[in-house]
Amino acid sequence: MSRIRVLVGVLGMDQHELGAVGISKMLRDQGMEVIYTGCFNTPKSIVATAIEEDADVIGISSHSWEYLYYIPELLDLLAEKDLDIPIVLGGSVITDEDAATMRARGVAAVFGSGSVVTDMVDTVRSLVAGEPAS
């Protein structure tokens, strides 16, 4: 069985990448292959990289409000390309209301401040296995 490939990046002008770097290391420590795109990505660049790298999951780290603006565009681009790649959104600024909105829009899982590492890892594995996020 091939390793799970997770693309991790930060969208827009958000410069807070410590969380994305930490999550990338955590996923690598769990045997996953991580493609880290860094900061200042656009939805278009994330989709292009996901295609190029054959990503199983897209992880977006957000520590600013920009996820509200960029995630719908990212989901629309994935749909236009007929790609079924689950998106996992994480960040310290995500409110419960915004998390519900993102899930309703099509984000597979949302992790806010205080999330448990094992829950994140288990969720990525479940999504790749075709199971819903818990």
N, C-alpha and C. Protein backbone atom coordinates (compact mmCIF):
# COMPACT_ATOMS: atom_id res chain seq x y z
N MET A 1 0.85 -1.19 0.00
CA MET A 1 0.00 0.00 0.00
C MET A 1 0.89 1.24 0.00
N SER A 2 0.54 2.20 -0.82
CA SER A 2 1.36 3.42 -0.91
C SER A 2 1.08 4.34 0.28
N ARG A 3 2.05 5.19 0.54
CA ARG A 3 1.91 6.14 1.64
C ARG A 3 0.87 7.19 1.31
N ILE A 4 0.19 7.67 2.32
CA ILE A 4 -0.78 8.75 2.17
C ILE A 4 -0.01 10.02 1.82
N ARG A 5 -0.50 10.73 0.80
CA ARG A 5 0.14 11.96 0.35
C ARG A 5 -0.76 13.14 0.73
N VAL A 6 -0.22 14.01 1.59
CA VAL A 6 -0.98 15.16 2.09
C VAL A 6 -0.29 16.43 1.63
N LEU A 7 -1.01 17.27 0.93
CA LEU A 7 -0.51 18.59 0.55
C LEU A 7 -0.90 19.55 1.67
N VAL A 8 0.06 20.27 2.21
CA VAL A 8 -0.20 21.23 3.29
C VAL A 8 0.27 22.60 2.84
N GLY A 9 -0.59 23.60 3.00
CA GLY A 9 -0.21 24.96 2.64
C GLY A 9 -1.03 26.01 3.36
N VAL A 10 -0.63 27.25 3.16
CA VAL A 10 -1.30 28.41 3.74
C VAL A 10 -1.78 29.27 2.58
N LEU A 11 -3.03 29.70 2.63
CA LEU A 11 -3.62 30.49 1.55
C LEU A 11 -3.50 31.99 1.79
N GLY A 12 -3.43 32.74 0.71
CA GLY A 12 -3.51 34.19 0.76
C GLY A 12 -2.30 34.83 1.41
N MET A 13 -2.55 35.93 2.08
CA MET A 13 -1.47 36.73 2.68
C MET A 13 -1.14 36.31 4.11
N ASP A 14 -1.79 35.26 4.60
CA ASP A 14 -1.52 34.75 5.93
C ASP A 14 -0.06 34.29 6.00
N GLN A 15 0.71 34.85 6.91
CA GLN A 15 2.12 34.54 7.03
C GLN A 15 2.42 33.61 8.21
N HIS A 16 1.41 33.15 8.88
CA HIS A 16 1.60 32.34 10.09
C HIS A 16 1.71 30.88 9.71
N GLU A 17 2.93 30.42 9.54
CA GLU A 17 3.11 29.05 9.07
C GLU A 17 3.59 28.08 10.13
N LEU A 18 3.76 28.52 11.35
CA LEU A 18 4.24 27.62 12.39
C LEU A 18 3.32 26.41 12.56
N GLY A 19 2.02 26.64 12.53
CA GLY A 19 1.07 25.52 12.65
C GLY A 19 1.18 24.56 11.48
N ALA A 20 1.32 25.08 10.26
CA ALA A 20 1.44 24.24 9.08
C ALA A 20 2.72 23.41 9.12
N VAL A 21 3.80 24.02 9.58
CA VAL A 21 5.07 23.31 9.69
C VAL A 21 4.96 22.21 10.75
N GLY A 22 4.34 22.53 11.87
CA GLY A 22 4.16 21.54 12.93
C GLY A 22 3.30 20.37 12.50
N ILE A 23 2.20 20.67 11.82
CA ILE A 23 1.31 19.61 11.32
C ILE A 23 2.04 18.76 10.28
N SER A 24 2.81 19.39 9.42
CA SER A 24 3.56 18.65 8.40
C SER A 24 4.50 17.64 9.06
N LYS A 25 5.22 18.09 10.07
CA LYS A 25 6.14 17.19 10.78
C LYS A 25 5.37 16.07 11.47
N MET A 26 4.27 16.40 12.09
CA MET A 26 3.47 15.40 12.79
C MET A 26 2.98 14.32 11.82
N LEU A 27 2.49 14.74 10.65
CA LEU A 27 2.01 13.78 9.66
C LEU A 27 3.15 12.92 9.12
N ARG A 28 4.31 13.54 8.89
CA ARG A 28 5.48 12.77 8.45
C ARG A 28 5.87 11.75 9.51
N ASP A 29 5.84 12.14 10.77
CA ASP A 29 6.18 11.23 11.86
C ASP A 29 5.22 10.04 11.93
N GLN A 30 4.03 10.21 11.37
CA GLN A 30 3.03 9.14 11.33
C GLN A 30 3.10 8.33 10.03
N GLY A 31 4.17 8.54 9.25
CA GLY A 31 4.40 7.75 8.04
C GLY A 31 3.76 8.29 6.78
N MET A 32 3.21 9.48 6.83
CA MET A 32 2.61 10.07 5.64
C MET A 32 3.64 10.89 4.86
N GLU A 33 3.42 10.98 3.57
CA GLU A 33 4.26 11.84 2.74
C GLU A 33 3.60 13.21 2.70
N VAL A 34 4.35 14.26 3.01
CA VAL A 34 3.79 15.61 3.05
C VAL A 34 4.46 16.47 1.99
N ILE A 35 3.64 17.13 1.21
CA ILE A 35 4.10 18.11 0.24
C ILE A 35 3.76 19.46 0.84
N TYR A 36 4.76 20.18 1.31
CA TYR A 36 4.53 21.46 1.98
C TYR A 36 4.76 22.60 0.99
N THR A 37 3.73 23.41 0.78
CA THR A 37 3.80 24.49 -0.21
C THR A 37 4.11 25.84 0.40
N GLY A 38 4.16 25.93 1.73
CA GLY A 38 4.49 27.19 2.38
C GLY A 38 3.34 28.19 2.36
N CYS A 39 3.72 29.47 2.48
CA CYS A 39 2.75 30.57 2.55
C CYS A 39 2.44 31.14 1.16
N PHE A 40 1.46 32.02 1.15
CA PHE A 40 1.12 32.85 -0.01
C PHE A 40 0.61 32.05 -1.21
N ASN A 41 -0.10 30.97 -0.96
CA ASN A 41 -0.69 30.18 -2.03
C ASN A 41 -2.04 30.76 -2.44
N THR A 42 -2.43 30.44 -3.65
CA THR A 42 -3.77 30.76 -4.13
C THR A 42 -4.53 29.44 -4.29
N PRO A 43 -5.85 29.49 -4.34
CA PRO A 43 -6.58 28.26 -4.60
C PRO A 43 -6.11 27.58 -5.90
N LYS A 44 -5.83 28.38 -6.91
CA LYS A 44 -5.38 27.83 -8.19
C LYS A 44 -4.04 27.10 -8.04
N SER A 45 -3.11 27.68 -7.28
CA SER A 45 -1.81 27.03 -7.11
C SER A 45 -1.94 25.77 -6.26
N ILE A 46 -2.82 25.77 -5.28
CA ILE A 46 -3.04 24.58 -4.46
C ILE A 46 -3.59 23.45 -5.31
N VAL A 47 -4.58 23.74 -6.16
CA VAL A 47 -5.16 22.71 -7.01
C VAL A 47 -4.12 22.19 -8.00
N ALA A 48 -3.35 23.08 -8.61
CA ALA A 48 -2.32 22.65 -9.56
C ALA A 48 -1.30 21.74 -8.88
N THR A 49 -0.88 22.09 -7.68
CA THR A 49 0.08 21.26 -6.95
C THR A 49 -0.54 19.94 -6.54
N ALA A 50 -1.79 19.96 -6.13
CA ALA A 50 -2.48 18.72 -5.74
C ALA A 50 -2.54 17.75 -6.91
N ILE A 51 -2.79 18.27 -8.10
CA ILE A 51 -2.82 17.43 -9.30
C ILE A 51 -1.41 16.90 -9.60
N GLU A 52 -0.45 17.80 -9.63
CA GLU A 52 0.93 17.44 -9.96
C GLU A 52 1.50 16.41 -8.99
N GLU A 53 1.17 16.55 -7.71
CA GLU A 53 1.73 15.68 -6.68
C GLU A 53 0.83 14.50 -6.33
N ASP A 54 -0.31 14.38 -7.00
CA ASP A 54 -1.25 13.28 -6.76
C ASP A 54 -1.62 13.19 -5.28
N ALA A 55 -2.03 14.32 -4.72
CA ALA A 55 -2.37 14.40 -3.29
C ALA A 55 -3.65 13.63 -2.98
N ASP A 56 -3.63 12.98 -1.83
CA ASP A 56 -4.81 12.28 -1.33
C ASP A 56 -5.70 13.20 -0.50
N VAL A 57 -5.08 14.17 0.18
CA VAL A 57 -5.77 15.11 1.05
C VAL A 57 -5.08 16.45 0.93
N ILE A 58 -5.87 17.53 1.03
CA ILE A 58 -5.32 18.88 1.07
C ILE A 58 -5.55 19.42 2.47
N GLY A 59 -4.48 19.83 3.11
CA GLY A 59 -4.56 20.44 4.43
C GLY A 59 -4.26 21.91 4.33
N ILE A 60 -5.19 22.74 4.76
CA ILE A 60 -5.00 24.18 4.74
C ILE A 60 -4.89 24.69 6.17
N SER A 61 -3.80 25.36 6.44
CA SER A 61 -3.58 25.98 7.75
C SER A 61 -3.97 27.44 7.64
N SER A 62 -4.76 27.90 8.59
CA SER A 62 -5.20 29.29 8.53
C SER A 62 -5.20 29.92 9.92
N HIS A 63 -4.52 31.04 10.02
CA HIS A 63 -4.49 31.79 11.27
C HIS A 63 -4.91 33.23 11.02
N SER A 64 -5.72 33.40 9.97
CA SER A 64 -6.35 34.69 9.68
C SER A 64 -7.73 34.37 9.11
N TRP A 65 -8.51 35.38 8.90
CA TRP A 65 -9.88 35.22 8.40
C TRP A 65 -9.93 34.76 6.94
N GLU A 66 -8.82 34.72 6.23
CA GLU A 66 -8.82 34.51 4.78
C GLU A 66 -9.42 33.19 4.33
N TYR A 67 -9.50 32.21 5.21
CA TYR A 67 -10.10 30.94 4.80
C TYR A 67 -11.54 31.14 4.35
N LEU A 68 -12.24 32.12 4.94
CA LEU A 68 -13.62 32.39 4.53
C LEU A 68 -13.71 32.82 3.07
N TYR A 69 -12.69 33.48 2.60
CA TYR A 69 -12.65 33.97 1.23
C TYR A 69 -12.13 32.90 0.26
N TYR A 70 -11.07 32.20 0.65
CA TYR A 70 -10.39 31.31 -0.29
C TYR A 70 -10.92 29.89 -0.35
N ILE A 71 -11.45 29.36 0.72
CA ILE A 71 -11.90 27.97 0.71
C ILE A 71 -13.03 27.73 -0.29
N PRO A 72 -14.05 28.59 -0.38
CA PRO A 72 -15.07 28.36 -1.40
C PRO A 72 -14.48 28.32 -2.83
N GLU A 73 -13.54 29.19 -3.11
CA GLU A 73 -12.90 29.18 -4.43
C GLU A 73 -12.12 27.88 -4.64
N LEU A 74 -11.41 27.43 -3.61
CA LEU A 74 -10.66 26.19 -3.69
C LEU A 74 -11.60 25.01 -3.96
N LEU A 75 -12.70 24.94 -3.24
CA LEU A 75 -13.67 23.87 -3.46
C LEU A 75 -14.27 23.92 -4.86
N ASP A 76 -14.57 25.13 -5.34
CA ASP A 76 -15.11 25.28 -6.70
C ASP A 76 -14.12 24.81 -7.76
N LEU A 77 -12.84 25.16 -7.58
CA LEU A 77 -11.82 24.72 -8.54
C LEU A 77 -11.66 23.21 -8.54
N LEU A 78 -11.69 22.59 -7.37
CA LEU A 78 -11.62 21.13 -7.31
C LEU A 78 -12.81 20.51 -8.04
N ALA A 79 -13.99 21.07 -7.84
CA ALA A 79 -15.19 20.55 -8.52
C ALA A 79 -15.09 20.73 -10.03
N GLU A 80 -14.60 21.90 -10.47
CA GLU A 80 -14.43 22.15 -11.91
C GLU A 80 -13.50 21.13 -12.55
N LYS A 81 -12.48 20.71 -11.82
CA LYS A 81 -11.50 19.74 -12.32
C LYS A 81 -11.96 18.30 -12.07
N ASP A 82 -13.14 18.15 -11.47
CA ASP A 82 -13.71 16.85 -11.13
C ASP A 82 -12.76 16.04 -10.24
N LEU A 83 -12.19 16.73 -9.25
CA LEU A 83 -11.26 16.11 -8.30
C LEU A 83 -11.96 15.89 -6.97
N ASP A 84 -11.85 14.70 -6.47
CA ASP A 84 -12.45 14.36 -5.18
C ASP A 84 -11.33 14.24 -4.15
N ILE A 85 -10.74 15.37 -3.81
CA ILE A 85 -9.67 15.42 -2.82
C ILE A 85 -10.23 16.13 -1.60
N PRO A 86 -10.33 15.43 -0.48
CA PRO A 86 -10.88 16.07 0.72
C PRO A 86 -9.98 17.20 1.22
N ILE A 87 -10.62 18.23 1.74
CA ILE A 87 -9.90 19.35 2.34
C ILE A 87 -10.09 19.30 3.85
N VAL A 88 -8.97 19.43 4.55
CA VAL A 88 -8.97 19.54 6.00
C VAL A 88 -8.47 20.94 6.33
N LEU A 89 -9.23 21.68 7.09
CA LEU A 89 -8.90 23.05 7.45
C LEU A 89 -8.55 23.10 8.94
N GLY A 90 -7.47 23.80 9.25
CA GLY A 90 -7.09 23.95 10.65
C GLY A 90 -6.57 25.33 10.93
N GLY A 91 -6.76 25.77 12.16
CA GLY A 91 -6.22 27.07 12.54
C GLY A 91 -6.81 27.56 13.85
N SER A 92 -6.08 28.46 14.45
CA SER A 92 -6.48 28.95 15.78
C SER A 92 -7.63 29.94 15.76
N VAL A 93 -7.94 30.52 14.62
CA VAL A 93 -8.96 31.57 14.57
C VAL A 93 -10.32 31.08 14.10
N ILE A 94 -10.46 29.82 13.85
CA ILE A 94 -11.70 29.29 13.28
C ILE A 94 -12.75 29.17 14.38
N THR A 95 -13.83 29.90 14.22
CA THR A 95 -14.93 29.85 15.19
C THR A 95 -15.80 28.62 14.92
N ASP A 96 -16.61 28.24 15.90
CA ASP A 96 -17.53 27.11 15.71
C ASP A 96 -18.49 27.38 14.57
N GLU A 97 -18.97 28.62 14.48
CA GLU A 97 -19.90 28.99 13.40
C GLU A 97 -19.23 28.88 12.04
N ASP A 98 -18.00 29.39 11.93
CA ASP A 98 -17.28 29.29 10.66
C ASP A 98 -16.96 27.84 10.31
N ALA A 99 -16.64 27.04 11.32
CA ALA A 99 -16.36 25.62 11.08
C ALA A 99 -17.59 24.94 10.49
N ALA A 100 -18.75 25.23 11.05
CA ALA A 100 -19.99 24.65 10.53
C ALA A 100 -20.25 25.11 9.10
N THR A 101 -19.99 26.37 8.83
CA THR A 101 -20.16 26.90 7.47
C THR A 101 -19.22 26.21 6.50
N MET A 102 -17.98 26.03 6.90
CA MET A 102 -16.99 25.38 6.02
C MET A 102 -17.38 23.93 5.76
N ARG A 103 -17.83 23.22 6.78
CA ARG A 103 -18.25 21.83 6.58
C ARG A 103 -19.48 21.77 5.68
N ALA A 104 -20.41 22.69 5.86
CA ALA A 104 -21.61 22.72 5.01
C ALA A 104 -21.24 23.00 3.55
N ARG A 105 -20.20 23.77 3.36
CA ARG A 105 -19.75 24.11 2.00
C ARG A 105 -19.02 22.95 1.34
N GLY A 106 -18.47 22.02 2.15
CA GLY A 106 -17.81 20.86 1.57
C GLY A 106 -16.44 20.50 2.13
N VAL A 107 -15.97 21.26 3.11
CA VAL A 107 -14.71 20.91 3.76
C VAL A 107 -14.94 19.64 4.58
N ALA A 108 -14.04 18.68 4.45
CA ALA A 108 -14.23 17.36 5.08
C ALA A 108 -14.09 17.41 6.59
N ALA A 109 -13.16 18.23 7.09
CA ALA A 109 -12.94 18.31 8.53
C ALA A 109 -12.33 19.65 8.88
N VAL A 110 -12.65 20.12 10.07
CA VAL A 110 -12.12 21.40 10.55
C VAL A 110 -11.56 21.19 11.96
N PHE A 111 -10.34 21.68 12.17
CA PHE A 111 -9.70 21.57 13.47
C PHE A 111 -9.31 22.95 13.95
N GLY A 112 -9.87 23.34 15.07
CA GLY A 112 -9.55 24.64 15.65
C GLY A 112 -8.53 24.51 16.77
N SER A 113 -8.38 25.57 17.49
CA SER A 113 -7.44 25.62 18.61
C SER A 113 -7.76 24.51 19.61
N GLY A 114 -6.73 23.86 20.09
CA GLY A 114 -6.91 22.81 21.09
C GLY A 114 -7.23 21.45 20.53
N SER A 115 -7.18 21.29 19.22
CA SER A 115 -7.48 19.98 18.63
C SER A 115 -6.43 18.95 19.04
N VAL A 116 -6.86 17.71 19.09
CA VAL A 116 -6.01 16.61 19.51
C VAL A 116 -5.29 16.02 18.30
N VAL A 117 -3.99 15.86 18.44
CA VAL A 117 -3.15 15.37 17.33
C VAL A 117 -3.65 14.04 16.79
N THR A 118 -3.96 13.11 17.65
CA THR A 118 -4.40 11.80 17.16
C THR A 118 -5.71 11.89 16.39
N ASP A 119 -6.57 12.84 16.75
CA ASP A 119 -7.81 13.03 16.00
C ASP A 119 -7.51 13.50 14.58
N MET A 120 -6.54 14.38 14.43
CA MET A 120 -6.17 14.88 13.10
C MET A 120 -5.61 13.75 12.24
N VAL A 121 -4.71 12.97 12.80
CA VAL A 121 -4.09 11.86 12.07
C VAL A 121 -5.16 10.83 11.69
N ASP A 122 -6.01 10.46 12.64
CA ASP A 122 -7.07 9.48 12.37
C ASP A 122 -8.03 9.99 11.30
N THR A 123 -8.31 11.28 11.32
CA THR A 123 -9.21 11.86 10.33
C THR A 123 -8.61 11.77 8.93
N VAL A 124 -7.35 12.11 8.78
CA VAL A 124 -6.71 12.02 7.47
C VAL A 124 -6.75 10.57 6.98
N ARG A 125 -6.41 9.64 7.83
CA ARG A 125 -6.44 8.22 7.44
C ARG A 125 -7.86 7.79 7.04
N SER A 126 -8.86 8.20 7.80
CA SER A 126 -10.25 7.86 7.48
C SER A 126 -10.67 8.43 6.13
N LEU A 127 -10.32 9.69 5.90
CA LEU A 127 -10.71 10.31 4.63
C LEU A 127 -10.08 9.60 3.44
N VAL A 128 -8.82 9.22 3.56
CA VAL A 128 -8.15 8.51 2.47
C VAL A 128 -8.77 7.13 2.25
N ALA A 129 -9.25 6.52 3.32
CA ALA A 129 -9.92 5.22 3.22
C ALA A 129 -11.35 5.33 2.68
N GLY A 130 -11.80 6.56 2.43
CA GLY A 130 -13.14 6.78 1.91
C GLY A 130 -14.22 6.86 2.96
N GLU A 131 -13.79 6.96 4.22
CA GLU A 131 -14.74 7.08 5.32
C GLU A 131 -14.95 8.56 5.66
N PRO A 132 -16.10 8.89 6.19
CA PRO A 132 -16.33 10.30 6.59
C PRO A 132 -15.47 10.67 7.79
N ALA A 133 -15.18 11.94 7.91
CA ALA A 133 -14.45 12.44 9.08
C ALA A 133 -15.32 12.28 10.31
N SER A 134 -14.69 11.94 11.43
CA SER A 134 -15.48 11.76 12.65
C SER A 134 -15.67 13.07 13.38
